[in-house]
PDB file of N, CA and C in Angstrom:
ATOM      1  N   MET A   1     -26.997  59.811  50.101  1.00  0.00           N
ATOM      2  CA  MET A   1     -26.109  58.443  50.302  1.00  0.00           C
ATOM      3  C   MET A   1     -24.635  58.936  50.775  1.00  0.00           C
ATOM      4  N   LYS A   2     -24.075  57.827  51.855  1.00  0.00           N
ATOM      5  CA  LYS A   2     -22.707  57.667  52.049  1.00  0.00           C
ATOM      6  C   LYS A   2     -21.801  57.144  50.935  1.00  0.00           C
ATOM      7  N   LYS A   3     -20.788  57.597  50.787  1.00  0.00           N
ATOM      8  CA  LYS A   3     -19.741  57.091  50.207  1.00  0.00           C
ATOM      9  C   LYS A   3     -18.613  55.927  51.182  1.00  0.00           C
ATOM     10  N   TYR A   4     -19.421  54.784  51.082  1.00  0.00           N
ATOM     11  CA  TYR A   4     -18.191  53.288  51.678  1.00  0.00           C
ATOM     12  C   TYR A   4     -17.133  53.347  50.585  1.00  0.00           C
ATOM     13  N   LEU A   5     -17.185  53.343  49.295  1.00  0.00           N
ATOM     14  CA  LEU A   5     -15.937  53.255  48.830  1.00  0.00           C
ATOM     15  C   LEU A   5     -15.820  53.641  47.532  1.00  0.00           C
ATOM     16  N   ARG A   6     -14.546  54.024  46.759  1.00  0.00           N
ATOM     17  CA  ARG A   6     -14.277  54.762  45.701  1.00  0.00           C
ATOM     18  C   ARG A   6     -14.032  53.698  44.654  1.00  0.00           C
ATOM     19  N   LYS A   7     -13.776  54.062  43.243  1.00  0.00           N
ATOM     20  CA  LYS A   7     -13.482  53.256  41.949  1.00  0.00           C
ATOM     21  C   LYS A   7     -11.918  52.678  42.514  1.00  0.00           C
ATOM     22  N   SER A   8     -11.306  53.739  43.476  1.00  0.00           N
ATOM     23  CA  SER A   8      -9.571  52.750  43.159  1.00  0.00           C
ATOM     24  C   SER A   8      -9.917  51.515  44.377  1.00  0.00           C
ATOM     25  N   ASP A   9     -11.146  51.658  45.180  1.00  0.00           N
ATOM     26  CA  ASP A   9     -11.137  50.858  46.405  1.00  0.00           C
ATOM     27  C   ASP A   9     -11.258  49.278  45.532  1.00  0.00           C
ATOM     28  N   VAL A  10     -12.273  49.515  44.559  1.00  0.00           N
ATOM     29  CA  VAL A  10     -12.240  48.435  43.870  1.00  0.00           C
ATOM     30  C   VAL A  10     -11.765  47.539  42.937  1.00  0.00           C
ATOM     31  N   ASP A  11     -10.599  48.819  42.424  1.00  0.00           N
ATOM     32  CA  ASP A  11      -9.972  48.348  41.609  1.00  0.00           C
ATOM     33  C   ASP A  11      -8.616  47.668  42.348  1.00  0.00           C
ATOM     34  N   ASP A  12      -8.336  48.249  43.433  1.00  0.00           N
ATOM     35  CA  ASP A  12      -7.146  47.406  44.254  1.00  0.00           C
ATOM     36  C   ASP A  12      -7.939  46.204  44.858  1.00  0.00           C
ATOM     37  N   ALA A  13      -9.219  45.717  45.266  1.00  0.00           N
ATOM     38  CA  ALA A  13      -9.554  44.255  45.752  1.00  0.00           C
ATOM     39  C   ALA A  13      -9.575  43.687  44.647  1.00  0.00           C
ATOM     40  N   LEU A  14     -10.069  43.847  43.140  1.00  0.00           N
ATOM     41  CA  LEU A  14     -10.899  43.002  42.310  1.00  0.00           C
ATOM     42  C   LEU A  14      -9.675  42.986  41.163  1.00  0.00           C
ATOM     43  N   GLY A  15      -8.876  44.378  41.160  1.00  0.00           N
ATOM     44  CA  GLY A  15      -8.023  44.194  39.795  1.00  0.00           C
ATOM     45  C   GLY A  15      -8.577  45.190  38.729  1.00  0.00           C
ATOM     46  N   ASN A  16      -7.607  45.682  38.281  1.00  0.00           N
ATOM     47  CA  ASN A  16      -8.373  47.047  36.873  1.00  0.00           C
ATOM     48  C   ASN A  16      -9.702  46.443  35.816  1.00  0.00           C
ATOM     49  N   ASP A  17      -9.310  45.028  36.211  1.00  0.00           N
ATOM     50  CA  ASP A  17     -10.767  44.507  35.009  1.00  0.00           C
ATOM     51  C   ASP A  17     -11.853  44.135  35.657  1.00  0.00           C
ATOM     52  N   TRP A  18     -12.052  44.471  36.473  1.00  0.00           N
ATOM     53  CA  TRP A  18     -13.703  44.266  37.077  1.00  0.00           C
ATOM     54  C   TRP A  18     -14.537  44.609  36.603  1.00  0.00           C
ATOM     55  N   ALA A  19     -14.437  45.726  35.476  1.00  0.00           N
ATOM     56  CA  ALA A  19     -15.551  46.214  34.709  1.00  0.00           C
ATOM     57  C   ALA A  19     -14.679  46.995  33.351  1.00  0.00           C
ATOM     58  N   PRO A  20     -15.187  47.794  32.953  1.00  0.00           N
ATOM     59  CA  PRO A  20     -14.893  48.147  31.734  1.00  0.00           C
ATOM     60  C   PRO A  20     -15.257  49.647  31.935  1.00  0.00           C
ATOM     61  N   GLU A  21     -13.978  50.694  31.884  1.00  0.00           N
ATOM     62  CA  GLU A  21     -13.268  51.968  32.343  1.00  0.00           C
ATOM     63  C   GLU A  21     -14.998  52.792  32.199  1.00  0.00           C
ATOM     64  N   ASP A  22     -15.653  52.567  31.215  1.00  0.00           N
ATOM     65  CA  ASP A  22     -16.853  53.601  31.002  1.00  0.00           C
ATOM     66  C   ASP A  22     -17.794  53.159  32.084  1.00  0.00           C
ATOM     67  N   LYS A  23     -17.815  52.123  32.814  1.00  0.00           N
ATOM     68  CA  LYS A  23     -19.241  51.574  33.740  1.00  0.00           C
ATOM     69  C   LYS A  23     -18.591  51.869  34.989  1.00  0.00           C
ATOM     70  N   LYS A  24     -17.395  51.868  35.301  1.00  0.00           N
ATOM     71  CA  LYS A  24     -16.793  51.995  36.909  1.00  0.00           C
ATOM     72  C   LYS A  24     -17.635  52.740  37.786  1.00  0.00           C
ATOM     73  N   ASP A  25     -17.448  54.420  37.168  1.00  0.00           N
ATOM     74  CA  ASP A  25     -18.216  55.027  38.126  1.00  0.00           C
ATOM     75  C   ASP A  25     -19.624  54.995  38.418  1.00  0.00           C
ATOM     76  N   ARG A  26     -20.047  54.433  37.503  1.00  0.00           N
ATOM     77  CA  ARG A  26     -21.755  54.690  37.713  1.00  0.00           C
ATOM     78  C   ARG A  26     -21.913  53.039  38.664  1.00  0.00           C
ATOM     79  N   ALA A  27     -20.939  52.201  38.524  1.00  0.00           N
ATOM     80  CA  ALA A  27     -21.196  51.071  39.361  1.00  0.00           C
ATOM     81  C   ALA A  27     -20.663  51.258  40.779  1.00  0.00           C
ATOM     82  N   VAL A  28     -19.796  52.309  40.809  1.00  0.00           N
ATOM     83  CA  VAL A  28     -19.375  52.464  42.400  1.00  0.00           C
ATOM     84  C   VAL A  28     -20.471  53.260  43.048  1.00  0.00           C
ATOM     85  N   MET A  29     -21.242  54.051  42.306  1.00  0.00           N
ATOM     86  CA  MET A  29     -22.105  54.848  42.504  1.00  0.00           C
ATOM     87  C   MET A  29     -23.379  54.062  43.199  1.00  0.00           C
ATOM     88  N   MET A  30     -24.048  53.016  42.434  1.00  0.00           N
ATOM     89  CA  MET A  30     -24.720  52.164  42.827  1.00  0.00           C
ATOM     90  C   MET A  30     -24.283  51.380  44.047  1.00  0.00           C
ATOM     91  N   ALA A  31     -23.353  50.755  43.986  1.00  0.00           N
ATOM     92  CA  ALA A  31     -22.821  50.205  45.034  1.00  0.00           C
ATOM     93  C   ALA A  31     -23.001  50.794  46.505  1.00  0.00           C
ATOM     94  N   ASN A  32     -22.353  52.360  46.159  1.00  0.00           N
ATOM     95  CA  ASN A  32     -23.265  53.268  47.567  1.00  0.00           C
ATOM     96  C   ASN A  32     -24.248  53.512  47.920  1.00  0.00           C
ATOM     97  N   VAL A  33     -25.095  53.438  47.044  1.00  0.00           N
ATOM     98  CA  VAL A  33     -26.457  53.350  47.065  1.00  0.00           C
ATOM     99  C   VAL A  33     -26.755  52.616  48.059  1.00  0.00           C
ATOM    100  N   TRP A  34     -26.805  51.233  47.584  1.00  0.00           N
ATOM    101  CA  TRP A  34     -27.235  49.789  47.631  1.00  0.00           C
ATOM    102  C   TRP A  34     -26.526  49.807  49.338  1.00  0.00           C
ATOM    103  N   LEU A  35     -25.111  49.996  49.786  1.00  0.00           N
ATOM    104  CA  LEU A  35     -24.656  49.958  51.152  1.00  0.00           C
ATOM    105  C   LEU A  35     -25.629  50.967  51.932  1.00  0.00           C
ATOM    106  N   THR A  36     -25.757  52.004  51.376  1.00  0.00           N
ATOM    107  CA  THR A  36     -26.560  53.232  52.187  1.00  0.00           C
ATOM    108  C   THR A  36     -28.046  52.627  52.269  1.00  0.00           C
ATOM    109  N   ASN A  37     -28.585  51.916  51.816  1.00  0.00           N
ATOM    110  CA  ASN A  37     -30.033  51.140  51.958  1.00  0.00           C
ATOM    111  C   ASN A  37     -29.907  50.121  53.025  1.00  0.00           C
ATOM    112  N   GLN A  38     -28.996  49.386  53.284  1.00  0.00           N
ATOM    113  CA  GLN A  38     -29.026  48.648  54.576  1.00  0.00           C
ATOM    114  C   GLN A  38     -28.936  48.891  55.473  1.00  0.00           C
ATOM    115  N   ASN A  39     -28.822  50.453  55.659  1.00  0.00           N
ATOM    116  CA  ASN A  39     -28.689  50.832  56.993  1.00  0.00           C
ATOM    117  C   ASN A  39     -27.874  50.743  58.199  1.00  0.00           C
ATOM    118  N   LEU A  40     -26.673  50.446  57.678  1.00  0.00           N
ATOM    119  CA  LEU A  40     -25.761  50.414  58.791  1.00  0.00           C
ATOM    120  C   LEU A  40     -25.193  50.965  59.418  1.00  0.00           C
ATOM    121  N   PRO A  41     -24.736  50.756  60.998  1.00  0.00           N
ATOM    122  CA  PRO A  41     -24.603  51.579  62.098  1.00  0.00           C
ATOM    123  C   PRO A  41     -23.482  52.883  61.157  1.00  0.00           C
ATOM    124  N   ASP A  42     -23.184  53.753  61.957  1.00  0.00           N
ATOM    125  CA  ASP A  42     -22.514  54.955  61.755  1.00  0.00           C
ATOM    126  C   ASP A  42     -21.267  54.421  62.600  1.00  0.00           C
ATOM    127  N   ILE A  43     -20.039  53.907  61.665  1.00  0.00           N
ATOM    128  CA  ILE A  43     -18.934  53.502  62.145  1.00  0.00           C
ATOM    129  C   ILE A  43     -17.513  54.383  61.354  1.00  0.00           C
ATOM    130  N   ASP A  44     -16.861  54.442  62.110  1.00  0.00           N
ATOM    131  CA  ASP A  44     -15.780  55.502  61.572  1.00  0.00           C
ATOM    132  C   ASP A  44     -14.602  54.814  62.521  1.00  0.00           C
ATOM    133  N   PRO A  45     -13.647  54.118  61.695  1.00  0.00           N
ATOM    134  CA  PRO A  45     -13.288  54.208  59.944  1.00  0.00           C
ATOM    135  C   PRO A  45     -14.439  53.052  59.616  1.00  0.00           C
ATOM    136  N   ILE A  46     -14.457  53.063  58.518  1.00  0.00           N
ATOM    137  CA  ILE A  46     -16.003  52.362  57.527  1.00  0.00           C
ATOM    138  C   ILE A  46     -14.698  50.690  57.836  1.00  0.00           C
ATOM    139  N   PRO A  47     -15.632  49.393  58.376  1.00  0.00           N
ATOM    140  CA  PRO A  47     -15.157  48.396  58.302  1.00  0.00           C
ATOM    141  C   PRO A  47     -14.258  47.929  56.904  1.00  0.00           C
ATOM    142  N   GLU A  48     -13.206  47.217  56.819  1.00  0.00           N
ATOM    143  CA  GLU A  48     -12.843  46.304  55.427  1.00  0.00           C
ATOM    144  C   GLU A  48     -13.997  45.814  54.695  1.00  0.00           C
ATOM    145  N   GLU A  49     -14.804  44.479  55.656  1.00  0.00           N
ATOM    146  CA  GLU A  49     -15.734  43.785  55.327  1.00  0.00           C
ATOM    147  C   GLU A  49     -16.699  44.803  54.438  1.00  0.00           C
ATOM    148  N   TRP A  50     -17.024  46.059  54.872  1.00  0.00           N
ATOM    149  CA  TRP A  50     -17.871  46.862  53.987  1.00  0.00           C
ATOM    150  C   TRP A  50     -17.441  47.241  52.978  1.00  0.00           C
ATOM    151  N   VAL A  51     -16.304  47.188  52.686  1.00  0.00           N
ATOM    152  CA  VAL A  51     -15.833  48.048  51.541  1.00  0.00           C
ATOM    153  C   VAL A  51     -15.538  46.649  50.414  1.00  0.00           C
ATOM    154  N   LEU A  52     -15.367  45.931  50.704  1.00  0.00           N
ATOM    155  CA  LEU A  52     -15.630  44.366  50.055  1.00  0.00           C
ATOM    156  C   LEU A  52     -16.720  43.892  49.630  1.00  0.00           C
ATOM    157  N   ALA A  53     -17.543  44.130  50.620  1.00  0.00           N
ATOM    158  CA  ALA A  53     -18.755  43.759  50.232  1.00  0.00           C
ATOM    159  C   ALA A  53     -19.361  45.073  49.132  1.00  0.00           C
ATOM    160  N   GLY A  54     -18.954  46.280  49.010  1.00  0.00           N
ATOM    161  CA  GLY A  54     -19.098  47.634  48.189  1.00  0.00           C
ATOM    162  C   GLY A  54     -18.270  46.991  46.756  1.00  0.00           C
ATOM    163  N   CYS A  55     -17.258  46.240  47.358  1.00  0.00           N
ATOM    164  CA  CYS A  55     -16.980  45.664  45.790  1.00  0.00           C
ATOM    165  C   CYS A  55     -17.400  44.730  45.118  1.00  0.00           C
ATOM    166  N   GLU A  56     -17.786  43.718  45.814  1.00  0.00           N
ATOM    167  CA  GLU A  56     -18.938  42.707  45.123  1.00  0.00           C
ATOM    168  C   GLU A  56     -20.129  43.276  44.979  1.00  0.00           C
ATOM    169  N   VAL A  57     -20.687  44.515  44.963  1.00  0.00           N
ATOM    170  CA  VAL A  57     -21.924  44.738  44.832  1.00  0.00           C
ATOM    171  C   VAL A  57     -21.631  45.649  43.724  1.00  0.00           C
ATOM    172  N   ALA A  58     -20.526  46.344  43.554  1.00  0.00           N
ATOM    173  CA  ALA A  58     -19.935  47.380  42.169  1.00  0.00           C
ATOM    174  C   ALA A  58     -19.874  46.425  40.886  1.00  0.00           C
ATOM    175  N   LYS A  59     -19.286  45.633  41.358  1.00  0.00           N
ATOM    176  CA  LYS A  59     -18.997  44.344  39.850  1.00  0.00           C
ATOM    177  C   LYS A  59     -20.237  43.794  39.208  1.00  0.00           C
ATOM    178  N   GLU A  60     -21.318  43.620  40.253  1.00  0.00           N
ATOM    179  CA  GLU A  60     -22.591  43.026  40.164  1.00  0.00           C
ATOM    180  C   GLU A  60     -23.354  44.505  39.123  1.00  0.00           C
ATOM    181  N   ALA A  61     -23.173  45.786  39.788  1.00  0.00           N
ATOM    182  CA  ALA A  61     -23.845  46.678  39.185  1.00  0.00           C
ATOM    183  C   ALA A  61     -23.263  46.868  37.597  1.00  0.00           C
ATOM    184  N   SER A  62     -21.954  46.435  37.190  1.00  0.00           N
ATOM    185  CA  SER A  62     -21.302  46.917  35.990  1.00  0.00           C
ATOM    186  C   SER A  62     -21.651  45.999  34.913  1.00  0.00           C
ATOM    187  N   THR A  63     -22.356  45.066  35.457  1.00  0.00           N
ATOM    188  CA  THR A  63     -23.000  44.197  34.170  1.00  0.00           C
ATOM    189  C   THR A  63     -24.251  44.244  34.339  1.00  0.00           C
ATOM    190  N   GLY A  64     -24.819  45.480  35.008  1.00  0.00           N
ATOM    191  CA  GLY A  64     -26.479  45.425  34.723  1.00  0.00           C
ATOM    192  C   GLY A  64     -27.497  44.154  35.509  1.00  0.00           C
ATOM    193  N   ARG A  65     -27.161  44.057  36.500  1.00  0.00           N
ATOM    194  CA  ARG A  65     -27.534  42.644  37.707  1.00  0.00           C
ATOM    195  C   ARG A  65     -28.098  43.426  38.860  1.00  0.00           C
ATOM    196  N   LEU A  66     -27.544  44.620  39.104  1.00  0.00           N
ATOM    197  CA  LEU A  66     -27.929  45.378  40.068  1.00  0.00           C
ATOM    198  C   LEU A  66     -28.985  46.405  39.877  1.00  0.00           C
ATOM    199  N   TYR A  67     -30.064  46.871  40.616  1.00  0.00           N
ATOM    200  CA  TYR A  67     -31.504  47.544  40.287  1.00  0.00           C
ATOM    201  C   TYR A  67     -31.600  47.499  38.817  1.00  0.00           C
ATOM    202  N   ALA A  68     -31.777  46.470  38.027  1.00  0.00           N
ATOM    203  CA  ALA A  68     -32.154  45.977  37.074  1.00  0.00           C
ATOM    204  C   ALA A  68     -33.844  46.038  36.925  1.00  0.00           C
ATOM    205  N   ALA A  69     -34.188  45.866  35.907  1.00  0.00           N
ATOM    206  CA  ALA A  69     -35.480  46.550  35.689  1.00  0.00           C
ATOM    207  C   ALA A  69     -36.437  45.192  35.961  1.00  0.00           C
ATOM    208  N   MET A  70     -37.377  45.304  36.917  1.00  0.00           N
ATOM    209  CA  MET A  70     -38.487  44.497  37.953  1.00  0.00           C
ATOM    210  C   MET A  70     -39.516  44.828  36.803  1.00  0.00           C
ATOM    211  N   GLU A  71     -40.365  43.642  36.868  1.00  0.00           N
ATOM    212  CA  GLU A  71     -41.872  43.633  36.366  1.00  0.00           C
ATOM    213  C   GLU A  71     -42.387  43.218  37.874  1.00  0.00           C
ATOM    214  N   THR A  72     -43.748  44.094  38.099  1.00  0.00           N
ATOM    215  CA  THR A  72     -44.378  43.545  39.348  1.00  0.00           C
ATOM    216  C   THR A  72     -45.654  42.948  38.970  1.00  0.00           C
ATOM    217  N   GLY A  73     -46.320  43.130  40.216  1.00  0.00           N
ATOM    218  CA  GLY A  73     -47.364  41.759  40.183  1.00  0.00           C
ATOM    219  C   GLY A  73     -47.464  40.655  40.314  1.00  0.00           C
ATOM    220  N   VAL A  74     -48.430  39.631  40.533  1.00  0.00           N
ATOM    221  CA  VAL A  74     -48.268  38.438  40.690  1.00  0.00           C
ATOM    222  C   VAL A  74     -47.931  37.895  39.478  1.00  0.00           C
ATOM    223  N   LEU A  75     -46.644  37.030  40.118  1.00  0.00           N
ATOM    224  CA  LEU A  75     -46.327  35.600  38.682  1.00  0.00           C
ATOM    225  C   LEU A  75     -46.610  34.706  38.683  1.00  0.00           C
ATOM    226  N   SER A  76     -46.648  33.867  37.810  1.00  0.00           N
ATOM    227  CA  SER A  76     -47.190  32.680  38.304  1.00  0.00           C
ATOM    228  C   SER A  76     -46.585  31.553  37.076  1.00  0.00           C
ATOM    229  N   LYS A  77     -46.390  30.364  37.434  1.00  0.00           N
ATOM    230  CA  LYS A  77     -45.798  29.362  36.193  1.00  0.00           C
ATOM    231  C   LYS A  77     -46.068  28.075  36.920  1.00  0.00           C
ATOM    232  N   ALA A  78     -46.863  27.223  35.503  1.00  0.00           N
ATOM    233  CA  ALA A  78     -47.442  26.020  36.263  1.00  0.00           C
ATOM    234  C   ALA A  78     -47.115  25.160  34.991  1.00  0.00           C
ATOM    235  N   VAL A  79     -46.464  24.021  35.185  1.00  0.00           N
ATOM    236  CA  VAL A  79     -46.194  22.703  34.205  1.00  0.00           C
ATOM    237  C   VAL A  79     -46.634  21.389  34.432  1.00  0.00           C
ATOM    238  N   GLN A  80     -47.073  20.821  33.676  1.00  0.00           N
ATOM    239  CA  GLN A  80     -47.961  19.575  33.810  1.00  0.00           C
ATOM    240  C   GLN A  80     -47.427  18.459  32.706  1.00  0.00           C
ATOM    241  N   ALA A  81     -47.168  17.581  33.255  1.00  0.00           N
ATOM    242  CA  ALA A  81     -46.713  16.502  32.246  1.00  0.00           C
ATOM    243  C   ALA A  81     -47.300  15.266  33.046  1.00  0.00           C
ATOM    244  N   GLY A  82     -48.666  14.843  32.487  1.00  0.00           N
ATOM    245  CA  GLY A  82     -49.742  13.468  32.742  1.00  0.00           C
ATOM    246  C   GLY A  82     -50.627  14.137  33.904  1.00  0.00           C
ATOM    247  N   ASP A  83     -49.841  13.469  34.991  1.00  0.00           N
ATOM    248  CA  ASP A  83     -50.795  13.399  36.060  1.00  0.00           C
ATOM    249  C   ASP A  83     -49.973  14.286  36.997  1.00  0.00           C
ATOM    250  N   VAL A  84     -48.826  14.479  36.769  1.00  0.00           N
ATOM    251  CA  VAL A  84     -47.550  15.469  37.671  1.00  0.00           C
ATOM    252  C   VAL A  84     -48.140  16.851  37.254  1.00  0.00           C
ATOM    253  N   SER A  85     -47.818  17.480  38.415  1.00  0.00           N
ATOM    254  CA  SER A  85     -48.277  19.068  38.241  1.00  0.00           C
ATOM    255  C   SER A  85     -47.300  20.176  39.146  1.00  0.00           C
ATOM    256  N   SER A  86     -46.724  20.891  38.849  1.00  0.00           N
ATOM    257  CA  SER A  86     -45.740  21.785  39.290  1.00  0.00           C
ATOM    258  C   SER A  86     -46.442  23.304  39.399  1.00  0.00           C
ATOM    259  N   SER A  87     -46.612  24.073  40.374  1.00  0.00           N
ATOM    260  CA  SER A  87     -46.620  25.670  39.920  1.00  0.00           C
ATOM    261  C   SER A  87     -45.817  26.426  40.947  1.00  0.00           C
ATOM    262  N   LYS A  88     -45.640  27.839  40.800  1.00  0.00           N
ATOM    263  CA  LYS A  88     -44.945  28.450  41.620  1.00  0.00           C
ATOM    264  C   LYS A  88     -45.587  29.918  41.380  1.00  0.00           C
ATOM    265  N   THR A  89     -45.745  30.835  42.500  1.00  0.00           N
ATOM    266  CA  THR A  89     -46.200  31.972  42.533  1.00  0.00           C
ATOM    267  C   THR A  89     -45.551  32.542  43.148  1.00  0.00           C
ATOM    268  N   PHE A  90     -45.196  33.951  42.916  1.00  0.00           N
ATOM    269  CA  PHE A  90     -44.395  34.953  43.518  1.00  0.00           C
ATOM    270  C   PHE A  90     -45.146  36.125  43.767  1.00  0.00           C
ATOM    271  N   THR A  91     -44.854  36.781  44.812  1.00  0.00           N
ATOM    272  CA  THR A  91     -45.324  37.953  45.249  1.00  0.00           C
ATOM    273  C   THR A  91     -44.543  38.695  44.543  1.00  0.00           C
ATOM    274  N   ALA A  92     -45.077  40.327  44.477  1.00  0.00           N
ATOM    275  CA  ALA A  92     -44.633  41.654  43.588  1.00  0.00           C
ATOM    276  C   ALA A  92     -43.675  41.637  44.175  1.00  0.00           C
ATOM    277  N   THR A  93     -43.259  41.425  45.517  1.00  0.00           N
ATOM    278  CA  THR A  93     -42.319  42.336  46.457  1.00  0.00           C
ATOM    279  C   THR A  93     -40.941  41.191  46.205  1.00  0.00           C
ATOM    280  N   ALA A  94     -41.230  39.651  45.720  1.00  0.00           N
ATOM    281  CA  ALA A  94     -39.889  38.615  45.371  1.00  0.00           C
ATOM    282  C   ALA A  94     -38.813  39.606  45.034  1.00  0.00           C
ATOM    283  N   LYS A  95     -37.644  39.272  45.036  1.00  0.00           N
ATOM    284  CA  LYS A  95     -36.853  39.589  44.384  1.00  0.00           C
ATOM    285  C   LYS A  95     -35.421  38.742  44.553  1.00  0.00           C
ATOM    286  N   ALA A  96     -34.881  38.551  43.275  1.00  0.00           N
ATOM    287  CA  ALA A  96     -33.883  37.797  43.544  1.00  0.00           C
ATOM    288  C   ALA A  96     -32.282  38.295  43.302  1.00  0.00           C
ATOM    289  N   TYR A  97     -31.335  37.656  43.979  1.00  0.00           N
ATOM    290  CA  TYR A  97     -30.540  38.351  44.784  1.00  0.00           C
ATOM    291  C   TYR A  97     -29.104  37.680  43.716  1.00  0.00           C
ATOM    292  N   THR A  98     -28.488  38.805  43.329  1.00  0.00           N
ATOM    293  CA  THR A  98     -27.246  38.070  42.796  1.00  0.00           C
ATOM    294  C   THR A  98     -26.176  37.605  43.718  1.00  0.00           C
ATOM    295  N   ALA A  99     -25.298  36.353  43.017  1.00  0.00           N
ATOM    296  CA  ALA A  99     -24.052  35.930  43.827  1.00  0.00           C
ATOM    297  C   ALA A  99     -23.715  36.941  44.731  1.00  0.00           C
ATOM    298  N   GLY A 100     -23.298  38.419  44.207  1.00  0.00           N
ATOM    299  CA  GLY A 100     -22.380  39.280  44.461  1.00  0.00           C
ATOM    300  C   GLY A 100     -22.954  39.781  45.943  1.00  0.00           C
ATOM    301  N   GLU A 101     -24.301  40.097  45.301  1.00  0.00           N
ATOM    302  CA  GLU A 101     -25.003  40.939  46.655  1.00  0.00           C
ATOM    303  C   GLU A 101     -25.248  40.007  47.598  1.00  0.00           C
ATOM    304  N   ARG A 102     -25.192  38.495  47.653  1.00  0.00           N
ATOM    305  CA  ARG A 102     -25.603  37.233  48.556  1.00  0.00           C
ATOM    306  C   ARG A 102     -23.913  37.363  49.455  1.00  0.00           C
ATOM    307  N   LEU A 103     -22.995  37.402  48.598  1.00  0.00           N
ATOM    308  CA  LEU A 103     -21.753  37.569  49.581  1.00  0.00           C
ATOM    309  C   LEU A 103     -21.688  39.291  49.960  1.00  0.00           C
ATOM    310  N   ALA A 104     -22.273  40.038  49.541  1.00  0.00           N
ATOM    311  CA  ALA A 104     -21.872  41.262  50.165  1.00  0.00           C
ATOM    312  C   ALA A 104     -22.783  41.391  51.579  1.00  0.00           C
ATOM    313  N   LEU A 105     -23.607  40.759  51.375  1.00  0.00           N
ATOM    314  CA  LEU A 105     -24.881  40.524  52.531  1.00  0.00           C
ATOM    315  C   LEU A 105     -24.181  39.290  54.069  1.00  0.00           C
ATOM    316  N   ALA A 106     -23.617  38.650  53.015  1.00  0.00           N
ATOM    317  CA  ALA A 106     -22.880  37.652  54.215  1.00  0.00           C
ATOM    318  C   ALA A 106     -21.735  38.398  54.797  1.00  0.00           C
ATOM    319  N   LEU A 107     -20.805  39.402  54.064  1.00  0.00           N
ATOM    320  CA  LEU A 107     -19.801  40.335  54.709  1.00  0.00           C
ATOM    321  C   LEU A 107     -20.579  41.130  55.983  1.00  0.00           C
ATOM    322  N   LEU A 108     -21.445  41.661  55.800  1.00  0.00           N
ATOM    323  CA  LEU A 108     -22.091  42.784  56.198  1.00  0.00           C
ATOM    324  C   LEU A 108     -22.862  41.989  57.788  1.00  0.00           C
ATOM    325  N   LYS A 109     -23.451  40.693  57.628  1.00  0.00           N
ATOM    326  CA  LYS A 109     -24.007  40.017  58.431  1.00  0.00           C
ATOM    327  C   LYS A 109     -23.797  40.434  59.939  1.00  0.00           C
ATOM    328  N   PRO A 110     -22.766  40.326  60.272  1.00  0.00           N
ATOM    329  CA  PRO A 110     -22.318  41.043  61.501  1.00  0.00           C
ATOM    330  C   PRO A 110     -23.056  42.752  62.093  1.00  0.00           C
ATOM    331  N   TRP A 111     -23.523  43.123  61.315  1.00  0.00           N
ATOM    332  CA  TRP A 111     -24.017  44.602  61.681  1.00  0.00           C
ATOM    333  C   TRP A 111     -25.272  44.935  60.866  1.00  0.00           C
ATOM    334  N   LEU A 112     -26.103  43.366  60.432  1.00  0.00           N
ATOM    335  CA  LEU A 112     -27.492  43.740  59.786  1.00  0.00           C
ATOM    336  C   LEU A 112     -27.927  42.902  60.861  1.00  0.00           C
ATOM    337  N   PRO A 113     -28.885  43.268  61.809  1.00  0.00           N
ATOM    338  CA  PRO A 113     -29.854  42.499  63.023  1.00  0.00           C
ATOM    339  C   PRO A 113     -30.749  42.150  62.094  1.00  0.00           C
ATOM    340  N   GLY A 114     -31.326  40.684  62.417  1.00  0.00           N
ATOM    341  CA  GLY A 114     -32.448  39.677  62.101  1.00  0.00           C
ATOM    342  C   GLY A 114     -31.906  39.312  60.582  1.00  0.00           C
ATOM    343  N   ILE A 115     -30.691  39.461  60.129  1.00  0.00           N
ATOM    344  CA  ILE A 115     -30.463  38.496  58.834  1.00  0.00           C
ATOM    345  C   ILE A 115     -30.198  36.872  58.777  1.00  0.00           C
ATOM    346  N   GLU A 116     -30.276  36.584  60.056  1.00  0.00           N
ATOM    347  CA  GLU A 116     -30.124  35.298  60.191  1.00  0.00           C
ATOM    348  C   GLU A 116     -31.145  34.397  59.178  1.00  0.00           C
ATOM    349  N   GLY A 117     -32.875  34.526  59.650  1.00  0.00           N
ATOM    350  CA  GLY A 117     -33.201  33.976  59.078  1.00  0.00           C
ATOM    351  C   GLY A 117     -33.701  34.226  57.494  1.00  0.00           C
ATOM    352  N   VAL A 118     -32.907  35.149  56.827  1.00  0.00           N
ATOM    353  CA  VAL A 118     -33.737  36.036  55.647  1.00  0.00           C
ATOM    354  C   VAL A 118     -33.253  34.556  54.628  1.00  0.00           C
ATOM    355  N   GLN A 119     -34.488  34.445  53.832  1.00  0.00           N
ATOM    356  CA  GLN A 119     -34.158  33.415  52.475  1.00  0.00           C
ATOM    357  C   GLN A 119     -33.132  33.707  51.534  1.00  0.00           C
ATOM    358  N   PHE A 120     -32.595  34.804  51.187  1.00  0.00           N
ATOM    359  CA  PHE A 120     -31.787  34.980  49.878  1.00  0.00           C
ATOM    360  C   PHE A 120     -30.379  34.676  50.429  1.00  0.00           C
ATOM    361  N   LEU A 121     -29.929  34.291  51.657  1.00  0.00           N
ATOM    362  CA  LEU A 121     -29.109  33.784  52.149  1.00  0.00           C
ATOM    363  C   LEU A 121     -28.592  32.310  51.457  1.00  0.00           C
ATOM    364  N   LYS A 122     -29.689  31.676  51.333  1.00  0.00           N
ATOM    365  CA  LYS A 122     -29.834  30.242  50.788  1.00  0.00           C
ATOM    366  C   LYS A 122     -29.717  30.285  49.688  1.00  0.00           C
ATOM    367  N   ARG A 123     -29.122  29.077  49.027  1.00  0.00           N
ATOM    368  CA  ARG A 123     -29.288  29.034  47.749  1.00  0.00           C
ATOM    369  C   ARG A 123     -30.569  28.181  47.200  1.00  0.00           C
ATOM    370  N   VAL A 124     -31.216  29.056  46.245  1.00  0.00           N
ATOM    371  CA  VAL A 124     -32.384  28.045  46.019  1.00  0.00           C
ATOM    372  C   VAL A 124     -32.153  27.570  44.660  1.00  0.00           C
TER     373      VAL A 124
END
């Protein structure tokens, strides 16, 4: 895992109250893992947008919304009222992105090839 940001970076960007003190170290570690998994190019110094993206992800991680438990398998939802029905089916690889992750991906967009058509950047 590459270290893109430190706790002090998040404190500077979001203020000291972005998370309870006892959750900050783990949230920053999770943000660094998340950024590492984006396969960003090796650039030195790290662009400010990457640090800001990491800050947004760290905030999400501090609330438990990043790398949360995930149920696998096919999920299905069906509703019917009289003659009208609606159903949705999701694959096991479906993932809901948090607002912080979406903002982080928008900040990283210039460095992530092929992100233009990715559905998770659109509000659903």
